[in-house]
């Protein structure tokens, strides 16, 4: 584990000096980082980290704090010290249990957004309950969907359906392999195919129907959580999924990146700009 200096956002700002006085140097770099985001609860966070967070969870919190600092610095966010303490409590109590790097990055995004102003932190609280319910597979699938150039193949205004679904011109259809690759482990450990291997499951089209069905509850769970509007499972030699995105899912994805952009149409335009910088046309992009 790195030392306190690894979180150097706390050593370069006047805010950091204030936090250091408040905590009387009684907390390590992790505690100081959280205290800088929420100054009123500085001492309490220090005590909580020292007395109740075991080594495994502390290492996870350090990873989240470091990732959040990177997002804060990249986006030139100035922490105000006024984040809602409920958000930080959720991070310490729930996020500290995950050692999945992708999910740690998503928790870090919520922290980065929350560090700038109280209203943003209050909005981020809405998604802590959602994020803690996701499996690593679901989290990766959400990132795949909303980072897909095809997802922003819409022309604002979005013309919202009452359920906030929006319809990209370039359909979000994923092959079985696209979906199965989001599982962050060995597929043969969980897909019920005898004498199979991870590589064989991915390459054998005859296995795709069984493999996709193994993940069906998790994929449908994203609909239940409101992170995608609807999903159709393709069959008869075309195994895969057809996904309909929604604004809640887009907002969730955006915040987990560390962005708070409104109206959401503005984020769609931002995504289109990112695609343009990469020489990608979202309206003709092929997911190959």
Protein backbone atom coordinates (compact mmCIF):
# COMPACT_ATOMS: atom_id res chain seq x y z
CA UNK A 1 0.00 0.00 0.00
CA UNK A 2 1.30 3.45 -0.81
CA UNK A 3 1.91 6.09 1.84
CA UNK A 4 -0.13 9.18 2.62
CA UNK A 5 1.67 11.30 0.01
CA UNK A 6 0.11 9.22 -2.77
CA UNK A 7 -3.03 11.33 -2.49
CA UNK A 8 -1.30 14.57 -3.26
CA UNK A 9 -4.48 16.53 -3.94
CA UNK A 10 -4.35 17.08 -0.19
CA UNK A 11 -0.88 18.60 -0.14
CA UNK A 12 -1.28 21.34 -2.72
CA UNK A 13 -4.48 23.18 -1.87
CA UNK A 14 -5.38 25.59 0.94
CA UNK A 15 -8.32 23.30 1.56
CA UNK A 16 -5.90 20.50 2.34
CA UNK A 17 -4.18 22.57 5.03
CA UNK A 18 -7.52 23.28 6.64
CA UNK A 19 -8.36 19.61 6.66
CA UNK A 20 -4.98 18.75 8.15
CA UNK A 21 -5.70 21.09 11.08
CA UNK A 22 -9.21 19.74 11.55
CA UNK A 23 -8.04 16.15 11.63
CA UNK A 24 -4.96 17.05 13.71
CA UNK A 25 -2.96 14.73 11.47
CA UNK A 26 -4.77 11.77 12.99
CA UNK A 27 -5.82 10.18 9.71
CA UNK A 28 -3.87 8.78 6.81
CA UNK A 29 -4.03 9.84 3.17
CA UNK A 30 -7.35 8.10 2.57
CA UNK A 31 -9.04 9.80 5.49
CA UNK A 32 -7.57 13.14 4.48
CA UNK A 33 -8.86 12.70 0.94
CA UNK A 34 -12.43 12.03 2.07
CA UNK A 35 -12.17 14.83 4.59
CA UNK A 36 -11.14 17.27 1.86
CA UNK A 37 -14.32 16.43 0.00
CA UNK A 38 -16.48 16.74 3.13
CA UNK A 39 -14.76 18.97 5.68
CA UNK A 40 -17.56 19.01 8.31
CA UNK A 41 -17.17 15.28 8.86
CA UNK A 42 -13.36 15.19 8.75
CA UNK A 43 -12.74 13.88 12.25
CA UNK A 44 -15.52 11.31 12.03
CA UNK A 45 -14.18 9.85 8.80
CA UNK A 46 -10.74 9.60 10.33
CA UNK A 47 -12.02 7.65 13.32
CA UNK A 48 -14.18 5.42 11.14
CA UNK A 49 -11.26 4.53 8.91
CA UNK A 50 -8.95 3.82 11.82
CA UNK A 51 -11.34 1.82 13.97
CA UNK A 52 -13.74 -0.01 11.66
CA UNK A 53 -12.17 -0.54 8.23
CA UNK A 54 -10.08 -3.68 7.89
CA UNK A 55 -7.04 -4.02 5.64
CA UNK A 56 -8.92 -5.48 2.64
CA UNK A 57 -11.48 -2.66 2.62
CA UNK A 58 -8.84 -0.02 3.28
CA UNK A 59 -6.88 -1.10 0.21
CA UNK A 60 -10.05 -0.86 -1.87
CA UNK A 61 -10.79 2.60 -0.50
CA UNK A 62 -7.27 3.72 -1.32
CA UNK A 63 -7.73 2.53 -4.91
CA UNK A 64 -11.04 4.39 -5.17
CA UNK A 65 -9.56 7.56 -3.67
CA UNK A 66 -6.61 7.47 -6.08
CA UNK A 67 -8.90 6.95 -9.07
CA UNK A 68 -11.14 9.79 -7.89
CA UNK A 69 -8.14 12.09 -7.53
CA UNK A 70 -7.10 11.28 -11.11
CA UNK A 71 -10.57 12.19 -12.37
CA UNK A 72 -10.61 15.38 -10.31
CA UNK A 73 -7.23 16.48 -11.64
CA UNK A 74 -8.03 15.49 -15.24
CA UNK A 75 -11.22 17.53 -15.23
CA UNK A 76 -9.69 20.37 -13.21
CA UNK A 77 -12.38 20.09 -10.55
CA UNK A 78 -11.90 22.25 -7.45
CA UNK A 79 -13.14 20.34 -4.36
CA UNK A 80 -15.31 22.57 -2.18
CA UNK A 81 -15.30 20.43 0.96
CA UNK A 82 -19.08 20.56 0.98
CA UNK A 83 -20.06 17.10 -0.28
CA UNK A 84 -22.99 15.40 1.38
CA UNK A 85 -21.58 13.17 4.15
CA UNK A 86 -24.19 10.55 3.30
CA UNK A 87 -22.41 9.94 0.01
CA UNK A 88 -19.06 9.39 1.68
CA UNK A 89 -20.63 7.09 4.24
CA UNK A 90 -21.99 5.00 1.37
CA UNK A 91 -18.56 4.89 -0.25
CA UNK A 92 -16.92 3.72 2.96
CA UNK A 93 -19.64 1.22 3.85
CA UNK A 94 -20.44 -0.20 0.41
CA UNK A 95 -17.77 0.66 -2.14
CA UNK A 96 -14.98 -0.52 0.15
CA UNK A 97 -16.08 -4.11 -0.38
CA UNK A 98 -15.32 -4.18 -4.11
CA UNK A 99 -11.89 -5.08 -5.41
CA UNK A 100 -13.00 -4.95 -9.05
CA UNK A 101 -10.98 -2.17 -10.72
CA UNK A 102 -13.76 -1.21 -13.13
CA UNK A 103 -16.32 -0.81 -10.37
CA UNK A 104 -13.81 1.08 -8.22
CA UNK A 105 -13.44 3.52 -11.12
CA UNK A 106 -17.22 3.97 -11.23
CA UNK A 107 -17.38 4.72 -7.50
CA UNK A 108 -14.52 7.16 -8.05
CA UNK A 109 -16.55 8.91 -10.73
CA UNK A 110 -19.42 9.49 -8.31
CA UNK A 111 -16.92 10.90 -5.83
CA UNK A 112 -15.34 13.20 -8.40
CA UNK A 113 -18.71 14.65 -9.40
CA UNK A 114 -19.70 15.08 -5.75
CA UNK A 115 -16.52 16.92 -4.81
CA UNK A 116 -17.37 20.07 -6.77
CA UNK A 117 -20.66 21.19 -5.25
CA UNK A 118 -23.30 20.01 -2.82
CA UNK A 119 -26.06 19.70 -5.42
CA UNK A 120 -23.94 17.34 -7.50
CA UNK A 121 -23.18 15.24 -4.43
CA UNK A 122 -26.87 15.04 -3.58
CA UNK A 123 -27.62 13.82 -7.10
CA UNK A 124 -24.84 11.25 -6.90
CA UNK A 125 -26.37 9.74 -3.76
CA UNK A 126 -29.25 8.57 -5.94
CA UNK A 127 -26.88 6.24 -7.76
CA UNK A 128 -24.96 4.75 -4.84
CA UNK A 129 -27.76 2.28 -4.21
CA UNK A 130 -27.79 1.39 -7.91
CA UNK A 131 -24.04 0.89 -8.18
CA UNK A 132 -23.76 -1.29 -5.11
CA UNK A 133 -26.37 -3.65 -6.61
CA UNK A 134 -24.41 -4.25 -9.81
CA UNK A 135 -22.23 -7.25 -10.48
CA UNK A 136 -18.88 -6.64 -12.21
CA UNK A 137 -20.40 -8.16 -15.38
CA UNK A 138 -23.37 -5.80 -15.29
CA UNK A 139 -21.13 -2.80 -14.69
CA UNK A 140 -18.98 -3.67 -17.69
CA UNK A 141 -22.03 -4.21 -19.86
CA UNK A 142 -23.40 -0.78 -18.91
CA UNK A 143 -20.07 0.80 -19.78
CA UNK A 144 -20.03 -1.06 -23.09
CA UNK A 145 -23.53 0.13 -23.99
CA UNK A 146 -23.21 3.80 -23.12
CA UNK A 147 -19.65 4.21 -24.40
CA UNK A 148 -20.65 2.65 -27.72
CA UNK A 149 -20.46 5.29 -30.49
CA UNK A 150 -23.80 4.00 -31.80
CA UNK A 151 -25.47 5.07 -28.54
CA UNK A 152 -25.04 8.74 -29.46
CA UNK A 153 -26.37 8.32 -33.01
CA UNK A 154 -29.29 10.61 -32.20
CA UNK A 155 -30.04 14.19 -33.12
CA UNK A 156 -31.12 16.34 -30.13
CA UNK A 157 -33.72 17.05 -28.98
CA UNK A 158 -34.16 13.40 -28.13
CA UNK A 159 -37.96 13.42 -28.40
CA UNK A 160 -38.34 11.46 -25.22
CA UNK A 161 -40.72 8.59 -24.74
CA UNK A 162 -42.62 8.87 -21.40
CA UNK A 163 -40.31 6.19 -19.94
CA UNK A 164 -37.25 8.24 -21.01
CA UNK A 165 -36.13 5.71 -23.61
CA UNK A 166 -34.31 7.13 -26.62
CA UNK A 167 -33.75 5.48 -29.95
CA UNK A 168 -30.30 5.64 -31.55
CA UNK A 169 -30.47 5.58 -35.34
CA UNK A 170 -27.66 3.00 -35.34
CA UNK A 171 -29.14 0.07 -33.40
CA UNK A 172 -27.33 -1.31 -30.37
CA UNK A 173 -27.14 -4.97 -31.32
CA UNK A 174 -24.44 -7.06 -29.66
CA UNK A 175 -23.31 -10.54 -30.62
CA UNK A 176 -23.01 -13.26 -28.01
CA UNK A 177 -19.24 -12.82 -28.03
CA UNK A 178 -19.61 -9.05 -27.44
CA UNK A 179 -21.66 -9.79 -24.34
CA UNK A 180 -19.71 -12.76 -23.01
CA UNK A 181 -16.43 -10.86 -23.18
CA UNK A 182 -17.76 -8.51 -20.51
CA UNK A 183 -17.54 -11.26 -17.91
CA UNK A 184 -14.34 -10.52 -15.94
CA UNK A 185 -13.41 -14.13 -15.33
CA UNK A 186 -13.25 -17.63 -16.77
CA UNK A 187 -16.53 -18.42 -18.51
CA UNK A 188 -16.02 -22.14 -18.00
CA UNK A 189 -16.39 -21.61 -14.26
CA UNK A 190 -20.00 -20.50 -14.54
CA UNK A 191 -21.36 -21.61 -17.93
CA UNK A 192 -22.82 -25.15 -17.62
CA UNK A 193 -21.07 -26.81 -20.58
CA UNK A 194 -19.14 -29.96 -19.75
CA UNK A 195 -15.42 -30.16 -20.63
CA UNK A 196 -15.43 -26.66 -22.08
CA UNK A 197 -12.91 -23.86 -21.74
CA UNK A 198 -13.20 -20.09 -21.77
CA UNK A 199 -11.77 -19.89 -25.28
CA UNK A 200 -14.00 -22.67 -26.58
CA UNK A 201 -17.15 -21.03 -25.22
CA UNK A 202 -16.24 -17.81 -27.04
CA UNK A 203 -15.36 -19.50 -30.32
CA UNK A 204 -18.03 -22.23 -30.49
CA UNK A 205 -21.28 -20.79 -31.87
CA UNK A 206 -23.14 -23.84 -30.62
CA UNK A 207 -22.27 -22.80 -27.06
CA UNK A 208 -23.45 -19.20 -27.35
CA UNK A 209 -27.13 -19.84 -26.69
CA UNK A 210 -26.41 -21.67 -23.44
CA UNK A 211 -23.78 -19.13 -22.42
CA UNK A 212 -26.03 -16.12 -23.01
CA UNK A 213 -28.86 -17.79 -21.09
CA UNK A 214 -26.52 -18.07 -18.10
CA UNK A 215 -26.29 -14.27 -18.03
CA UNK A 216 -29.93 -13.57 -18.83
CA UNK A 217 -30.92 -12.78 -15.20
CA UNK A 218 -28.11 -10.24 -14.89
CA UNK A 219 -28.92 -8.63 -18.23
CA UNK A 220 -32.64 -8.43 -17.44
CA UNK A 221 -31.70 -7.05 -14.04
CA UNK A 222 -30.40 -3.93 -15.78
CA UNK A 223 -33.96 -3.34 -17.02
CA UNK A 224 -35.29 -3.77 -13.48
CA UNK A 225 -32.77 -1.21 -12.22
CA UNK A 226 -33.84 1.19 -14.97
CA UNK A 227 -30.38 1.36 -16.52
CA UNK A 228 -31.63 0.12 -19.89
CA UNK A 229 -35.20 0.44 -21.07
CA UNK A 230 -35.58 -2.91 -22.78
CA UNK A 231 -33.55 -5.83 -24.10
CA UNK A 232 -34.41 -8.40 -26.76
CA UNK A 233 -32.56 -11.73 -26.82
CA UNK A 234 -31.73 -12.83 -30.34
CA UNK A 235 -31.89 -16.50 -31.27
CA UNK A 236 -31.88 -18.91 -34.23
CA UNK A 237 -28.22 -18.58 -35.10
CA UNK A 238 -28.06 -14.85 -34.31
CA UNK A 239 -27.45 -15.22 -30.57
CA UNK A 240 -26.94 -11.87 -28.91
CA UNK A 241 -28.92 -8.96 -27.53
CA UNK A 242 -30.65 -5.85 -28.87
CA UNK A 243 -30.55 -3.09 -26.27
CA UNK A 244 -32.69 0.04 -25.92
CA UNK A 245 -30.86 2.69 -23.84
CA UNK A 246 -32.54 5.22 -21.55
CA UNK A 247 -31.70 8.54 -19.97
CA UNK A 248 -31.30 7.16 -16.46
CA UNK A 249 -28.69 4.72 -17.73
CA UNK A 250 -26.92 7.48 -19.63
CA UNK A 251 -26.93 9.76 -16.59
CA UNK A 252 -25.65 6.92 -14.40
CA UNK A 253 -22.85 6.12 -16.86
CA UNK A 254 -21.94 9.80 -17.18
CA UNK A 255 -21.68 10.30 -13.42
CA UNK A 256 -19.61 7.16 -13.01
CA UNK A 257 -17.17 8.69 -15.49
CA UNK A 258 -16.99 11.76 -13.26
CA UNK A 259 -19.10 14.12 -15.38
CA UNK A 260 -22.21 16.13 -14.56
CA UNK A 261 -23.56 17.65 -17.77
CA UNK A 262 -27.10 18.97 -18.21
CA UNK A 263 -29.29 18.81 -20.12
CA UNK A 264 -28.38 15.23 -21.04
CA UNK A 265 -28.65 16.13 -24.71
CA UNK A 266 -25.47 18.14 -24.09
CA UNK A 267 -23.67 14.97 -23.07
CA UNK A 268 -24.87 13.26 -26.25
CA UNK A 269 -23.32 16.13 -28.22
CA UNK A 270 -20.13 15.74 -26.16
CA UNK A 271 -20.01 12.03 -27.02
CA UNK A 272 -20.47 12.87 -30.69
CA UNK A 273 -17.55 15.28 -30.42
CA UNK A 274 -15.39 12.57 -28.81
CA UNK A 275 -16.27 10.27 -31.69
CA UNK A 276 -15.39 12.96 -34.22
CA UNK A 277 -11.95 13.36 -32.61
CA UNK A 278 -11.42 9.63 -33.17
CA UNK A 279 -12.63 9.83 -36.76
CA UNK A 280 -15.80 7.86 -35.96
CA UNK A 281 -19.26 8.58 -37.33
CA UNK A 282 -21.79 7.28 -34.75
CA UNK A 283 -24.48 7.00 -37.42
CA UNK A 284 -22.48 4.57 -39.60
CA UNK A 285 -20.22 2.94 -37.01
CA UNK A 286 -20.03 -0.85 -37.17
CA UNK A 287 -19.39 -2.82 -34.01
CA UNK A 288 -16.78 -5.23 -35.39
